[in-house]
């Protein structure tokens, strides 16, 4: 069985920290970090935008 989990984080530094911990704990076999994601979402009753890593 394969499971794919997608999360966004505020930047590459946070992404690397999470990736390293997941690999050290052996709960992930491979982690890909993609940068420069433009996220659009509802926040406090309006559409907001953020630059994130994925």
C-alpha atoms as a PDB file:
ATOM      1  CA  UNK A   1       0.000   0.000   0.000  1.00  0.00           C
ATOM      2  CA  UNK A   2       1.210   3.517  -0.815  1.00  0.00           C
ATOM      3  CA  UNK A   3       0.161   6.735   0.877  1.00  0.00           C
ATOM      4  CA  UNK A   4       0.874  10.195  -0.489  1.00  0.00           C
ATOM      5  CA  UNK A   5       0.647  13.140   1.884  1.00  0.00           C
ATOM      6  CA  UNK A   6       0.751  16.718   0.604  1.00  0.00           C
ATOM      7  CA  UNK A   7       1.300  19.680   2.926  1.00  0.00           C
ATOM      8  CA  UNK A   8       2.246  23.309   2.456  1.00  0.00           C
ATOM      9  CA  UNK A   9       4.667  25.158   4.699  1.00  0.00           C
ATOM     10  CA  UNK A  10       5.775  28.797   4.910  1.00  0.00           C
ATOM     11  CA  UNK A  11       9.236  28.185   3.467  1.00  0.00           C
ATOM     12  CA  UNK A  12      12.008  25.813   2.450  1.00  0.00           C
ATOM     13  CA  UNK A  13      13.713  25.871   5.867  1.00  0.00           C
ATOM     14  CA  UNK A  14      10.584  24.495   7.560  1.00  0.00           C
ATOM     15  CA  UNK A  15      10.112  21.946   4.760  1.00  0.00           C
ATOM     16  CA  UNK A  16      13.656  20.630   5.209  1.00  0.00           C
ATOM     17  CA  UNK A  17      13.265  20.394   8.983  1.00  0.00           C
ATOM     18  CA  UNK A  18      10.046  18.387   8.651  1.00  0.00           C
ATOM     19  CA  UNK A  19      11.538  16.174   5.920  1.00  0.00           C
ATOM     20  CA  UNK A  20      14.640  15.350   7.939  1.00  0.00           C
ATOM     21  CA  UNK A  21      12.609  14.448  11.016  1.00  0.00           C
ATOM     22  CA  UNK A  22      10.235  12.210   9.053  1.00  0.00           C
ATOM     23  CA  UNK A  23      13.189  10.426   7.449  1.00  0.00           C
ATOM     24  CA  UNK A  24      15.021  10.044  10.783  1.00  0.00           C
ATOM     25  CA  UNK A  25      11.870   8.547  12.329  1.00  0.00           C
ATOM     26  CA  UNK A  26      11.612   6.243   9.273  1.00  0.00           C
ATOM     27  CA  UNK A  27       7.977   7.146   8.692  1.00  0.00           C
ATOM     28  CA  UNK A  28       8.759   8.360   5.156  1.00  0.00           C
ATOM     29  CA  UNK A  29      10.851   6.720   2.462  1.00  0.00           C
ATOM     30  CA  UNK A  30      11.144   9.732   0.158  1.00  0.00           C
ATOM     31  CA  UNK A  31      10.218  13.388   0.447  1.00  0.00           C
ATOM     32  CA  UNK A  32      10.061  15.905  -2.390  1.00  0.00           C
ATOM     33  CA  UNK A  33      10.201  19.639  -1.678  1.00  0.00           C
ATOM     34  CA  UNK A  34       8.718  21.924  -4.310  1.00  0.00           C
ATOM     35  CA  UNK A  35       9.126  25.671  -3.967  1.00  0.00           C
ATOM     36  CA  UNK A  36       7.331  28.762  -5.190  1.00  0.00           C
ATOM     37  CA  UNK A  37       3.764  27.623  -4.750  1.00  0.00           C
ATOM     38  CA  UNK A  38       1.131  30.340  -5.085  1.00  0.00           C
ATOM     39  CA  UNK A  39      -1.727  29.403  -2.755  1.00  0.00           C
ATOM     40  CA  UNK A  40      -5.142  31.037  -2.891  1.00  0.00           C
ATOM     41  CA  UNK A  41      -7.606  30.256  -0.094  1.00  0.00           C
ATOM     42  CA  UNK A  42     -10.443  31.548   2.028  1.00  0.00           C
ATOM     43  CA  UNK A  43      -9.249  33.233   5.232  1.00  0.00           C
ATOM     44  CA  UNK A  44     -11.385  35.333   7.554  1.00  0.00           C
ATOM     45  CA  UNK A  45     -14.244  35.659   5.066  1.00  0.00           C
ATOM     46  CA  UNK A  46     -12.115  36.741   2.107  1.00  0.00           C
ATOM     47  CA  UNK A  47      -9.854  35.219  -0.520  1.00  0.00           C
ATOM     48  CA  UNK A  48      -6.211  35.463   0.560  1.00  0.00           C
ATOM     49  CA  UNK A  49      -2.906  34.547  -1.109  1.00  0.00           C
ATOM     50  CA  UNK A  50       0.412  33.199   0.146  1.00  0.00           C
ATOM     51  CA  UNK A  51       3.774  32.092  -1.257  1.00  0.00           C
ATOM     52  CA  UNK A  52       4.540  28.654   0.147  1.00  0.00           C
ATOM     53  CA  UNK A  53       6.590  25.505  -0.349  1.00  0.00           C
ATOM     54  CA  UNK A  54       4.901  22.209  -1.124  1.00  0.00           C
END
